[in-house]
N, C-alpha and C. Protein backbone atom coordinates (compact mmCIF):
# COMPACT_ATOMS: atom_id res chain seq x y z
N MET A 1 0.84 -1.19 0.00
CA MET A 1 0.00 0.00 0.00
C MET A 1 0.88 1.24 0.00
N LYS A 2 0.60 2.14 -0.92
CA LYS A 2 1.38 3.38 -0.99
C LYS A 2 0.61 4.48 -0.30
N LEU A 3 1.25 5.14 0.66
CA LEU A 3 0.60 6.19 1.43
C LEU A 3 1.17 7.54 1.06
N LYS A 4 0.30 8.47 0.74
CA LYS A 4 0.74 9.82 0.41
C LYS A 4 0.63 10.65 1.67
N THR A 5 1.70 10.74 2.42
CA THR A 5 1.71 11.46 3.68
C THR A 5 2.86 12.44 3.67
N LEU A 6 2.98 13.19 4.75
CA LEU A 6 4.10 14.11 4.89
C LEU A 6 5.41 13.37 4.78
N ALA A 7 5.53 12.24 5.46
CA ALA A 7 6.78 11.49 5.42
C ALA A 7 7.08 11.01 4.00
N ALA A 8 6.06 10.53 3.30
CA ALA A 8 6.26 10.11 1.93
C ALA A 8 6.69 11.28 1.06
N ALA A 9 6.10 12.45 1.30
CA ALA A 9 6.47 13.64 0.54
C ALA A 9 7.92 14.00 0.79
N LEU A 10 8.35 13.93 2.04
CA LEU A 10 9.75 14.20 2.35
C LEU A 10 10.66 13.21 1.65
N ALA A 11 10.24 11.93 1.65
CA ALA A 11 11.04 10.90 0.98
C ALA A 11 11.18 11.18 -0.50
N LEU A 12 10.07 11.59 -1.13
CA LEU A 12 10.11 11.92 -2.54
C LEU A 12 11.04 13.10 -2.80
N THR A 13 10.97 14.09 -1.90
CA THR A 13 11.79 15.29 -2.06
C THR A 13 13.28 14.96 -2.04
N VAL A 14 13.67 14.01 -1.21
CA VAL A 14 15.09 13.68 -1.13
C VAL A 14 15.46 12.51 -2.02
N GLY A 15 14.52 12.11 -2.93
CA GLY A 15 14.87 11.16 -3.97
C GLY A 15 14.77 9.71 -3.59
N LEU A 16 13.98 9.35 -2.59
CA LEU A 16 13.87 7.95 -2.21
C LEU A 16 12.65 7.27 -2.80
N GLY A 17 11.81 8.02 -3.51
CA GLY A 17 10.65 7.42 -4.11
C GLY A 17 9.52 7.24 -3.12
N SER A 18 8.44 6.62 -3.58
CA SER A 18 7.29 6.40 -2.71
C SER A 18 7.59 5.33 -1.68
N VAL A 19 6.77 5.30 -0.63
CA VAL A 19 7.07 4.48 0.53
C VAL A 19 6.06 3.34 0.64
N GLU A 20 6.53 2.09 0.69
CA GLU A 20 5.69 0.94 0.95
C GLU A 20 5.75 0.63 2.44
N THR A 21 4.60 0.40 3.05
CA THR A 21 4.59 0.19 4.48
C THR A 21 3.68 -0.95 4.86
N SER A 22 3.91 -1.54 6.03
CA SER A 22 3.02 -2.58 6.52
C SER A 22 2.57 -2.32 7.95
N ALA A 23 3.21 -1.38 8.64
CA ALA A 23 2.80 -1.01 9.98
C ALA A 23 3.07 0.46 10.19
N HIS A 24 2.29 1.07 11.04
CA HIS A 24 2.37 2.51 11.26
C HIS A 24 2.35 2.78 12.76
N PRO A 25 2.86 3.86 13.26
CA PRO A 25 3.53 4.94 12.51
C PRO A 25 4.99 4.64 12.22
N HIS A 26 5.57 5.46 11.35
CA HIS A 26 6.99 5.36 11.02
C HIS A 26 7.75 6.61 11.41
N VAL A 27 7.05 7.68 11.67
CA VAL A 27 7.68 8.94 12.04
C VAL A 27 6.95 9.49 13.26
N TRP A 28 7.71 10.01 14.21
CA TRP A 28 7.12 10.59 15.42
C TRP A 28 7.45 12.09 15.46
N VAL A 29 6.47 12.88 15.82
CA VAL A 29 6.62 14.32 15.85
C VAL A 29 6.12 14.87 17.18
N GLY A 30 6.96 15.65 17.85
CA GLY A 30 6.52 16.40 19.03
C GLY A 30 5.96 17.72 18.55
N THR A 31 4.73 18.01 18.92
CA THR A 31 4.07 19.21 18.38
C THR A 31 3.76 20.23 19.47
N SER A 32 3.83 21.49 19.07
CA SER A 32 3.48 22.60 19.95
C SER A 32 2.84 23.70 19.10
N ALA A 33 2.46 24.79 19.73
CA ALA A 33 1.79 25.86 18.99
C ALA A 33 1.94 27.18 19.70
N GLU A 34 1.83 28.25 18.92
CA GLU A 34 1.80 29.60 19.46
C GLU A 34 0.66 30.36 18.80
N PHE A 35 -0.34 30.70 19.60
CA PHE A 35 -1.50 31.43 19.09
C PHE A 35 -1.23 32.93 19.15
N GLN A 36 -1.59 33.63 18.07
CA GLN A 36 -1.37 35.07 17.99
C GLN A 36 -2.63 35.86 18.35
N PHE A 37 -2.48 36.79 19.28
CA PHE A 37 -3.57 37.68 19.67
C PHE A 37 -3.30 39.08 19.13
N ASP A 38 -4.37 39.78 18.73
CA ASP A 38 -4.20 41.15 18.27
C ASP A 38 -4.51 42.13 19.41
N ALA A 39 -4.47 43.43 19.10
CA ALA A 39 -4.65 44.45 20.13
C ALA A 39 -6.03 44.41 20.76
N ALA A 40 -6.99 43.82 20.07
CA ALA A 40 -8.35 43.74 20.60
C ALA A 40 -8.56 42.48 21.43
N GLY A 41 -7.49 41.67 21.57
CA GLY A 41 -7.61 40.44 22.34
C GLY A 41 -8.23 39.30 21.58
N LEU A 42 -8.23 39.38 20.25
CA LEU A 42 -8.78 38.32 19.40
C LEU A 42 -7.65 37.45 18.85
N VAL A 43 -7.95 36.19 18.63
CA VAL A 43 -6.96 35.26 18.08
C VAL A 43 -7.01 35.36 16.55
N THR A 44 -5.86 35.65 15.94
CA THR A 44 -5.83 35.90 14.49
C THR A 44 -5.09 34.81 13.71
N GLY A 45 -4.42 33.90 14.40
CA GLY A 45 -3.68 32.86 13.70
C GLY A 45 -2.91 32.01 14.69
N VAL A 46 -2.22 31.01 14.15
CA VAL A 46 -1.44 30.12 15.00
C VAL A 46 -0.19 29.66 14.25
N THR A 47 0.92 29.61 14.98
CA THR A 47 2.15 29.01 14.45
C THR A 47 2.27 27.61 15.03
N VAL A 48 2.35 26.63 14.16
CA VAL A 48 2.46 25.23 14.55
C VAL A 48 3.92 24.83 14.47
N ILE A 49 4.42 24.17 15.51
CA ILE A 49 5.83 23.76 15.56
C ILE A 49 5.91 22.25 15.69
N TRP A 50 6.67 21.63 14.77
CA TRP A 50 6.87 20.18 14.80
C TRP A 50 8.36 19.88 15.00
N ARG A 51 8.67 18.98 15.93
CA ARG A 51 10.03 18.49 16.10
C ARG A 51 10.04 16.98 15.83
N PHE A 52 10.81 16.60 14.80
CA PHE A 52 10.83 15.21 14.36
C PHE A 52 11.73 14.35 15.23
N ASP A 53 11.46 13.05 15.24
CA ASP A 53 12.29 12.12 16.00
C ASP A 53 13.72 12.10 15.46
N ASP A 54 14.67 11.63 16.27
CA ASP A 54 16.09 11.68 15.93
C ASP A 54 16.40 10.94 14.63
N LEU A 55 15.85 9.74 14.47
CA LEU A 55 16.16 8.94 13.29
C LEU A 55 15.67 9.62 12.02
N TYR A 56 14.43 10.07 12.05
CA TYR A 56 13.91 10.71 10.85
C TYR A 56 14.59 12.04 10.59
N SER A 57 14.94 12.76 11.65
CA SER A 57 15.65 14.03 11.48
C SER A 57 16.95 13.81 10.71
N THR A 58 17.69 12.78 11.10
CA THR A 58 18.96 12.48 10.42
C THR A 58 18.72 12.19 8.95
N PHE A 59 17.74 11.36 8.67
CA PHE A 59 17.40 11.01 7.29
C PHE A 59 17.04 12.25 6.47
N ALA A 60 16.17 13.08 7.01
CA ALA A 60 15.69 14.24 6.27
C ALA A 60 16.78 15.30 6.09
N ILE A 61 17.56 15.55 7.14
CA ILE A 61 18.61 16.57 7.05
C ILE A 61 19.67 16.16 6.04
N GLN A 62 20.09 14.91 6.09
CA GLN A 62 21.09 14.44 5.13
C GLN A 62 20.52 14.45 3.71
N GLY A 63 19.27 14.07 3.57
CA GLY A 63 18.65 14.03 2.25
C GLY A 63 18.42 15.39 1.65
N ALA A 64 18.36 16.43 2.48
CA ALA A 64 18.12 17.78 1.98
C ALA A 64 19.38 18.44 1.43
N ASP A 65 20.51 17.76 1.54
CA ASP A 65 21.78 18.30 1.03
C ASP A 65 21.78 18.27 -0.49
N ALA A 66 21.15 19.28 -1.09
CA ALA A 66 20.91 19.29 -2.54
C ALA A 66 22.18 19.28 -3.37
N ASP A 67 23.23 19.99 -2.92
CA ASP A 67 24.46 20.06 -3.72
C ASP A 67 25.45 18.95 -3.38
N LYS A 68 25.06 18.06 -2.45
CA LYS A 68 25.86 16.88 -2.10
C LYS A 68 27.28 17.24 -1.67
N ASP A 69 27.40 18.34 -0.91
CA ASP A 69 28.73 18.72 -0.43
C ASP A 69 28.99 18.23 0.99
N GLY A 70 28.06 17.46 1.52
CA GLY A 70 28.23 16.91 2.86
C GLY A 70 27.77 17.82 3.98
N VAL A 71 27.29 19.01 3.63
CA VAL A 71 26.81 19.96 4.62
C VAL A 71 25.42 20.43 4.22
N THR A 72 24.44 20.24 5.09
CA THR A 72 23.08 20.72 4.80
C THR A 72 22.90 22.10 5.42
N THR A 73 22.70 23.08 4.57
CA THR A 73 22.56 24.46 5.03
C THR A 73 21.11 24.76 5.40
N HIS A 74 20.94 25.88 6.10
CA HIS A 74 19.58 26.31 6.44
C HIS A 74 18.78 26.58 5.17
N ALA A 75 19.42 27.14 4.16
CA ALA A 75 18.73 27.43 2.90
C ALA A 75 18.22 26.14 2.26
N GLU A 76 19.00 25.08 2.33
CA GLU A 76 18.57 23.79 1.76
C GLU A 76 17.40 23.22 2.55
N LEU A 77 17.43 23.38 3.86
CA LEU A 77 16.31 22.91 4.67
C LEU A 77 15.05 23.73 4.40
N VAL A 78 15.21 25.03 4.20
CA VAL A 78 14.06 25.88 3.89
C VAL A 78 13.45 25.47 2.55
N ALA A 79 14.29 25.11 1.57
CA ALA A 79 13.78 24.65 0.28
C ALA A 79 12.95 23.39 0.46
N LEU A 80 13.42 22.47 1.29
CA LEU A 80 12.66 21.27 1.60
C LEU A 80 11.36 21.63 2.29
N GLY A 81 11.41 22.58 3.23
CA GLY A 81 10.21 23.02 3.92
C GLY A 81 9.17 23.59 2.97
N GLY A 82 9.64 24.30 1.94
CA GLY A 82 8.72 24.87 0.97
C GLY A 82 7.96 23.79 0.21
N GLU A 83 8.64 22.69 -0.12
CA GLU A 83 7.97 21.57 -0.78
C GLU A 83 6.93 20.95 0.15
N ASN A 84 7.27 20.85 1.42
CA ASN A 84 6.34 20.26 2.38
C ASN A 84 5.10 21.12 2.56
N VAL A 85 5.29 22.45 2.57
CA VAL A 85 4.16 23.36 2.70
C VAL A 85 3.18 23.15 1.54
N LYS A 86 3.72 23.01 0.32
CA LYS A 86 2.86 22.79 -0.85
C LYS A 86 2.08 21.50 -0.70
N PHE A 87 2.75 20.44 -0.26
CA PHE A 87 2.10 19.15 -0.10
C PHE A 87 1.04 19.20 1.00
N LEU A 88 1.37 19.81 2.11
CA LEU A 88 0.50 19.80 3.28
C LEU A 88 -0.82 20.52 3.03
N LYS A 89 -0.84 21.44 2.09
CA LYS A 89 -2.06 22.22 1.84
C LYS A 89 -3.24 21.31 1.55
N GLU A 90 -3.04 20.27 0.73
CA GLU A 90 -4.16 19.40 0.37
C GLU A 90 -4.59 18.50 1.52
N TRP A 91 -3.76 18.43 2.57
CA TRP A 91 -4.09 17.65 3.77
C TRP A 91 -4.45 18.58 4.94
N ASN A 92 -4.79 19.83 4.62
CA ASN A 92 -5.13 20.82 5.65
C ASN A 92 -4.01 20.97 6.68
N TYR A 93 -2.78 20.77 6.20
CA TYR A 93 -1.59 20.96 7.03
C TYR A 93 -1.58 20.04 8.26
N PHE A 94 -2.29 18.89 8.16
CA PHE A 94 -2.39 17.95 9.28
C PHE A 94 -2.83 18.68 10.56
N THR A 95 -3.60 19.75 10.38
CA THR A 95 -4.02 20.59 11.50
C THR A 95 -5.52 20.82 11.44
N ASP A 96 -6.21 20.41 12.47
CA ASP A 96 -7.66 20.55 12.54
C ASP A 96 -7.99 21.62 13.56
N LEU A 97 -8.47 22.76 13.09
CA LEU A 97 -8.85 23.87 13.96
C LEU A 97 -10.36 23.96 14.02
N ARG A 98 -10.88 24.09 15.24
CA ARG A 98 -12.34 24.16 15.40
C ARG A 98 -12.71 25.27 16.37
N ILE A 99 -13.85 25.90 16.10
CA ILE A 99 -14.40 26.92 16.98
C ILE A 99 -15.77 26.42 17.44
N ASP A 100 -15.89 26.16 18.73
CA ASP A 100 -17.10 25.58 19.30
C ASP A 100 -17.49 24.28 18.57
N GLY A 101 -16.47 23.53 18.18
CA GLY A 101 -16.70 22.25 17.52
C GLY A 101 -16.88 22.31 16.02
N THR A 102 -16.98 23.51 15.46
CA THR A 102 -17.16 23.68 14.01
C THR A 102 -15.82 23.99 13.35
N PRO A 103 -15.50 23.34 12.22
CA PRO A 103 -14.22 23.60 11.56
C PRO A 103 -14.01 25.08 11.29
N LEU A 104 -12.80 25.56 11.58
CA LEU A 104 -12.43 26.96 11.38
C LEU A 104 -11.59 27.07 10.12
N GLU A 105 -11.99 27.93 9.22
CA GLU A 105 -11.24 28.12 7.98
C GLU A 105 -9.96 28.91 8.24
N VAL A 106 -8.88 28.51 7.56
CA VAL A 106 -7.61 29.23 7.65
C VAL A 106 -7.13 29.55 6.25
N GLY A 107 -6.24 30.54 6.15
CA GLY A 107 -5.66 30.87 4.88
C GLY A 107 -4.44 30.02 4.61
N ASP A 108 -3.79 30.27 3.49
CA ASP A 108 -2.54 29.57 3.18
C ASP A 108 -1.47 29.96 4.17
N VAL A 109 -0.47 29.11 4.31
CA VAL A 109 0.65 29.39 5.21
C VAL A 109 1.25 30.75 4.88
N SER A 110 1.37 31.61 5.89
CA SER A 110 1.90 32.95 5.66
C SER A 110 3.39 33.04 5.94
N ALA A 111 3.93 32.10 6.67
CA ALA A 111 5.36 32.06 6.97
C ALA A 111 5.71 30.65 7.42
N PHE A 112 6.96 30.24 7.17
CA PHE A 112 7.39 28.93 7.63
C PHE A 112 8.90 28.92 7.80
N ASP A 113 9.38 27.93 8.52
CA ASP A 113 10.82 27.73 8.68
C ASP A 113 11.08 26.24 8.83
N ASN A 114 12.25 25.81 8.44
CA ASN A 114 12.66 24.42 8.57
C ASN A 114 14.14 24.48 8.94
N ARG A 115 14.49 24.01 10.14
CA ARG A 115 15.85 24.20 10.60
C ARG A 115 16.31 23.02 11.44
N GLU A 116 17.62 22.94 11.59
CA GLU A 116 18.22 21.91 12.43
C GLU A 116 18.52 22.50 13.81
N ASP A 117 18.13 21.79 14.84
CA ASP A 117 18.41 22.21 16.21
C ASP A 117 19.12 21.06 16.91
N ASP A 118 20.44 21.13 16.92
CA ASP A 118 21.26 20.11 17.56
C ASP A 118 20.91 18.71 17.04
N GLY A 119 20.82 18.59 15.73
CA GLY A 119 20.55 17.31 15.10
C GLY A 119 19.09 16.97 14.94
N VAL A 120 18.20 17.80 15.48
CA VAL A 120 16.77 17.55 15.37
C VAL A 120 16.16 18.50 14.34
N LEU A 121 15.32 17.96 13.46
CA LEU A 121 14.66 18.78 12.46
C LEU A 121 13.42 19.41 13.07
N GLU A 122 13.36 20.74 12.97
CA GLU A 122 12.21 21.49 13.49
C GLU A 122 11.56 22.25 12.34
N PHE A 123 10.30 21.96 12.12
CA PHE A 123 9.52 22.57 11.04
C PHE A 123 8.40 23.37 11.67
N SER A 124 8.25 24.63 11.28
CA SER A 124 7.19 25.47 11.82
C SER A 124 6.50 26.22 10.69
N PHE A 125 5.22 26.48 10.86
CA PHE A 125 4.47 27.21 9.84
C PHE A 125 3.33 27.97 10.51
N THR A 126 2.97 29.10 9.93
CA THR A 126 1.94 29.97 10.49
C THR A 126 0.70 29.94 9.63
N LEU A 127 -0.44 29.66 10.28
CA LEU A 127 -1.73 29.63 9.60
C LEU A 127 -2.56 30.83 10.05
N PRO A 128 -2.83 31.78 9.14
CA PRO A 128 -3.69 32.92 9.51
C PRO A 128 -5.16 32.51 9.45
N PHE A 129 -5.95 32.97 10.41
CA PHE A 129 -7.39 32.69 10.39
C PHE A 129 -8.06 33.60 9.36
N THR A 130 -9.13 33.11 8.74
CA THR A 130 -9.86 33.93 7.77
C THR A 130 -10.65 35.03 8.48
N TYR A 131 -10.91 34.85 9.78
CA TYR A 131 -11.52 35.91 10.58
C TYR A 131 -11.04 35.72 12.02
N PRO A 132 -10.91 36.81 12.79
CA PRO A 132 -10.42 36.69 14.17
C PRO A 132 -11.45 36.03 15.07
N VAL A 133 -10.95 35.34 16.09
CA VAL A 133 -11.82 34.61 17.02
C VAL A 133 -11.75 35.26 18.40
N ASP A 134 -12.90 35.51 18.98
CA ASP A 134 -12.96 36.07 20.33
C ASP A 134 -12.97 34.91 21.33
N PRO A 135 -11.86 34.69 22.04
CA PRO A 135 -11.79 33.53 22.94
C PRO A 135 -12.70 33.65 24.16
N LYS A 136 -13.21 34.86 24.42
CA LYS A 136 -14.13 35.03 25.54
C LYS A 136 -15.55 34.59 25.18
N LYS A 137 -15.79 34.47 23.88
CA LYS A 137 -17.13 34.06 23.43
C LYS A 137 -17.14 32.66 22.83
N HIS A 138 -15.97 32.19 22.39
CA HIS A 138 -15.90 30.91 21.70
C HIS A 138 -14.72 30.07 22.21
N ARG A 139 -14.87 28.76 22.16
CA ARG A 139 -13.79 27.85 22.52
C ARG A 139 -13.05 27.45 21.26
N LEU A 140 -11.76 27.71 21.23
CA LEU A 140 -10.92 27.42 20.07
C LEU A 140 -10.08 26.18 20.39
N ARG A 141 -10.10 25.21 19.48
CA ARG A 141 -9.36 23.98 19.70
C ARG A 141 -8.57 23.61 18.45
N MET A 142 -7.35 23.12 18.65
CA MET A 142 -6.51 22.66 17.56
C MET A 142 -6.04 21.24 17.82
N ALA A 143 -6.11 20.38 16.81
CA ALA A 143 -5.60 19.01 16.91
C ALA A 143 -4.66 18.77 15.74
N SER A 144 -3.55 18.04 16.00
CA SER A 144 -2.59 17.71 14.95
C SER A 144 -2.61 16.21 14.72
N PHE A 145 -2.90 15.81 13.49
CA PHE A 145 -2.88 14.37 13.19
C PHE A 145 -2.76 14.10 11.69
N ASP A 146 -2.15 12.97 11.38
CA ASP A 146 -2.04 12.45 10.03
C ASP A 146 -3.11 11.38 9.89
N PRO A 147 -4.10 11.55 8.99
CA PRO A 147 -5.18 10.58 8.88
C PRO A 147 -4.72 9.15 8.61
N SER A 148 -3.57 8.99 7.95
CA SER A 148 -3.09 7.64 7.64
C SER A 148 -2.28 7.03 8.78
N TYR A 149 -1.97 7.84 9.78
CA TYR A 149 -1.18 7.44 10.95
C TYR A 149 0.23 6.98 10.57
N TYR A 150 0.72 7.45 9.41
CA TYR A 150 2.14 7.22 9.09
C TYR A 150 2.99 8.07 10.04
N VAL A 151 2.53 9.27 10.31
CA VAL A 151 3.18 10.17 11.26
C VAL A 151 2.36 10.20 12.54
N ALA A 152 3.01 9.96 13.67
CA ALA A 152 2.34 10.02 14.97
C ALA A 152 2.71 11.32 15.65
N PHE A 153 1.71 12.09 16.02
CA PHE A 153 1.94 13.36 16.70
C PHE A 153 1.79 13.17 18.21
N GLU A 154 2.73 13.76 18.94
CA GLU A 154 2.75 13.69 20.40
C GLU A 154 2.95 15.10 20.95
N VAL A 155 2.59 15.31 22.18
CA VAL A 155 2.82 16.60 22.82
C VAL A 155 4.32 16.79 23.03
N ASP A 156 4.85 17.94 22.64
CA ASP A 156 6.25 18.26 22.89
C ASP A 156 6.36 18.77 24.32
N SER A 157 6.77 17.86 25.22
CA SER A 157 6.79 18.21 26.64
C SER A 157 7.81 19.29 26.97
N SER A 158 8.80 19.49 26.08
CA SER A 158 9.83 20.49 26.34
C SER A 158 9.39 21.89 25.91
N ARG A 159 8.25 21.99 25.21
CA ARG A 159 7.81 23.29 24.71
C ARG A 159 6.29 23.39 24.81
N PRO A 160 5.79 23.90 25.90
CA PRO A 160 4.33 24.04 26.06
C PRO A 160 3.77 25.02 25.01
N ALA A 161 2.56 24.76 24.60
CA ALA A 161 1.88 25.69 23.70
C ALA A 161 1.66 27.02 24.44
N VAL A 162 1.77 28.12 23.71
CA VAL A 162 1.71 29.44 24.33
C VAL A 162 0.86 30.39 23.49
N ALA A 163 0.70 31.60 24.00
CA ALA A 163 0.04 32.68 23.28
C ALA A 163 0.99 33.85 23.19
N SER A 164 0.89 34.62 22.11
CA SER A 164 1.71 35.82 21.96
C SER A 164 0.79 37.01 21.70
N GLY A 165 1.25 38.18 22.13
CA GLY A 165 0.44 39.38 21.96
C GLY A 165 -0.33 39.68 23.24
N PRO A 166 -1.21 40.67 23.19
CA PRO A 166 -1.98 41.06 24.38
C PRO A 166 -3.10 40.07 24.69
N VAL A 167 -2.80 39.09 25.52
CA VAL A 167 -3.78 38.06 25.87
C VAL A 167 -4.76 38.62 26.91
N PRO A 168 -6.06 38.49 26.69
CA PRO A 168 -7.05 39.01 27.66
C PRO A 168 -6.89 38.35 29.03
N GLU A 169 -7.16 39.08 30.06
CA GLU A 169 -7.07 38.54 31.41
C GLU A 169 -8.01 37.35 31.56
N GLY A 170 -7.51 36.30 32.19
CA GLY A 170 -8.32 35.11 32.41
C GLY A 170 -8.29 34.11 31.29
N CYS A 171 -7.58 34.44 30.19
CA CYS A 171 -7.50 33.53 29.05
C CYS A 171 -6.14 32.82 29.06
N GLY A 172 -6.12 31.61 28.54
CA GLY A 172 -4.87 30.86 28.50
C GLY A 172 -4.91 29.76 27.45
N VAL A 173 -3.75 29.14 27.26
CA VAL A 173 -3.61 28.05 26.30
C VAL A 173 -3.36 26.76 27.08
N PHE A 174 -4.10 25.70 26.73
CA PHE A 174 -4.03 24.45 27.46
C PHE A 174 -3.79 23.29 26.50
N THR A 175 -2.93 22.35 26.91
CA THR A 175 -2.59 21.21 26.07
C THR A 175 -3.12 19.92 26.69
N TYR A 176 -3.68 19.07 25.82
CA TYR A 176 -4.21 17.79 26.25
C TYR A 176 -3.61 16.68 25.39
N GLY A 177 -3.30 15.55 26.02
CA GLY A 177 -2.77 14.42 25.27
C GLY A 177 -3.87 13.76 24.45
N PRO A 178 -3.50 12.81 23.59
CA PRO A 178 -4.49 12.11 22.77
C PRO A 178 -5.41 11.24 23.62
N ASP A 179 -6.58 10.93 23.07
CA ASP A 179 -7.52 10.06 23.78
C ASP A 179 -6.96 8.65 23.91
N GLU A 180 -6.20 8.22 22.93
CA GLU A 180 -5.55 6.92 22.95
C GLU A 180 -4.30 6.98 22.10
N THR A 181 -3.33 6.13 22.39
CA THR A 181 -2.06 6.15 21.66
C THR A 181 -1.62 4.72 21.35
N PRO A 182 -2.10 4.14 20.27
CA PRO A 182 -1.66 2.80 19.89
C PRO A 182 -0.20 2.82 19.45
N LYS A 183 0.55 1.77 19.75
CA LYS A 183 1.96 1.75 19.35
C LYS A 183 2.08 1.61 17.84
N THR A 184 1.32 0.69 17.26
CA THR A 184 1.35 0.52 15.81
C THR A 184 -0.05 0.13 15.34
N VAL A 185 -0.31 0.36 14.07
CA VAL A 185 -1.54 -0.12 13.44
C VAL A 185 -1.17 -0.74 12.11
N SER A 186 -2.02 -1.62 11.62
CA SER A 186 -1.76 -2.30 10.36
C SER A 186 -2.13 -1.43 9.18
N ASP A 187 -1.76 -1.87 7.96
CA ASP A 187 -2.14 -1.15 6.76
C ASP A 187 -3.65 -1.00 6.66
N SER A 188 -4.37 -2.09 6.95
CA SER A 188 -5.83 -2.05 6.80
C SER A 188 -6.45 -1.07 7.79
N LEU A 189 -5.93 -1.04 9.02
CA LEU A 189 -6.45 -0.10 9.99
C LEU A 189 -6.07 1.32 9.60
N ALA A 190 -4.84 1.50 9.07
CA ALA A 190 -4.42 2.84 8.63
C ALA A 190 -5.36 3.35 7.54
N ALA A 191 -5.77 2.46 6.63
CA ALA A 191 -6.70 2.86 5.58
C ALA A 191 -8.04 3.27 6.18
N SER A 192 -8.48 2.55 7.21
CA SER A 192 -9.73 2.91 7.88
C SER A 192 -9.62 4.25 8.56
N LEU A 193 -8.46 4.49 9.17
CA LEU A 193 -8.25 5.77 9.84
C LEU A 193 -8.35 6.92 8.85
N ALA A 194 -7.73 6.74 7.69
CA ALA A 194 -7.73 7.81 6.68
C ALA A 194 -9.14 8.11 6.22
N ALA A 195 -10.02 7.11 6.28
CA ALA A 195 -11.40 7.30 5.83
C ALA A 195 -12.30 7.81 6.95
N ASP A 196 -11.82 7.74 8.19
CA ASP A 196 -12.62 8.15 9.33
C ASP A 196 -11.86 9.19 10.13
N GLN A 197 -12.10 10.46 9.81
CA GLN A 197 -11.36 11.55 10.43
C GLN A 197 -11.55 11.58 11.95
N ASP A 198 -12.77 11.28 12.42
CA ASP A 198 -13.03 11.33 13.85
C ASP A 198 -12.21 10.28 14.60
N TRP A 199 -12.08 9.09 14.01
CA TRP A 199 -11.29 8.03 14.63
C TRP A 199 -9.83 8.42 14.66
N ALA A 200 -9.32 8.91 13.53
CA ALA A 200 -7.93 9.33 13.47
C ALA A 200 -7.65 10.45 14.46
N ALA A 201 -8.61 11.34 14.62
CA ALA A 201 -8.43 12.47 15.53
C ALA A 201 -8.30 12.02 16.98
N GLY A 202 -8.77 10.81 17.28
CA GLY A 202 -8.64 10.30 18.63
C GLY A 202 -7.20 10.09 19.05
N PHE A 203 -6.29 9.97 18.06
CA PHE A 203 -4.87 9.78 18.35
C PHE A 203 -4.12 11.11 18.46
N ALA A 204 -4.86 12.22 18.35
CA ALA A 204 -4.21 13.53 18.23
C ALA A 204 -4.09 14.28 19.54
N PRO A 205 -2.92 14.87 19.81
CA PRO A 205 -2.84 15.81 20.93
C PRO A 205 -3.63 17.06 20.58
N LYS A 206 -4.19 17.71 21.59
CA LYS A 206 -5.06 18.85 21.33
C LYS A 206 -4.62 20.06 22.17
N VAL A 207 -4.79 21.23 21.58
CA VAL A 207 -4.48 22.49 22.26
C VAL A 207 -5.73 23.36 22.20
N THR A 208 -6.09 23.99 23.31
CA THR A 208 -7.27 24.84 23.33
C THR A 208 -6.92 26.23 23.86
N VAL A 209 -7.68 27.21 23.41
CA VAL A 209 -7.62 28.55 23.97
C VAL A 209 -8.91 28.74 24.74
N GLU A 210 -8.81 28.96 26.04
CA GLU A 210 -9.98 29.05 26.88
C GLU A 210 -9.87 30.26 27.82
N CYS A 211 -11.04 30.81 28.12
CA CYS A 211 -11.11 31.95 29.05
C CYS A 211 -12.05 31.61 30.20
N GLY A 212 -11.61 31.83 31.41
CA GLY A 212 -12.43 31.54 32.58
C GLY A 212 -13.55 32.55 32.75
N GLY A 213 -14.53 32.12 33.51
CA GLY A 213 -15.66 33.03 33.75
C GLY A 213 -16.57 33.03 32.58
């Protein structure tokens, strides 16, 4: 079974071709987020941060060495990140944003970076909201997941999700682990997951913006 996922896209970018798999996940990502508030105290967008596992980071960083000089530069990693941004668009950037349970529309990625941090690949991208959200009136929730479960998303315990800008008093950002975390799933189950977004979302860590009172 050939899976078109972020990991497969990265593999294609570095010239390894499509990926045949029999068990999932194959890539682990620690995820975090930074929600942007404007002067009126409304949420206008979110920067999503992914840190890949050590093994995959090594593979991707080495594979991004386009000129084959043995050194992968930041510019080469950014070029790889640009390809990933294009691919991720059709998968909604593996990011499910909801306002009071209803899907929230976002614009195209407005900024991104792809860099090495002490041997770990860190990919970040900013999603602007199509309209600002008032966190005092609505509950905003974000979940990160790959429907095929080729990539497993986990909470990045070293980097709590945060807010930037003038955050209204009593409002905060909260992180929750997934409802369940299977170690592996078969190809057939992965196919079922891809067809059932709610089931796949059960494996996703979630971040919410909530205001007390």
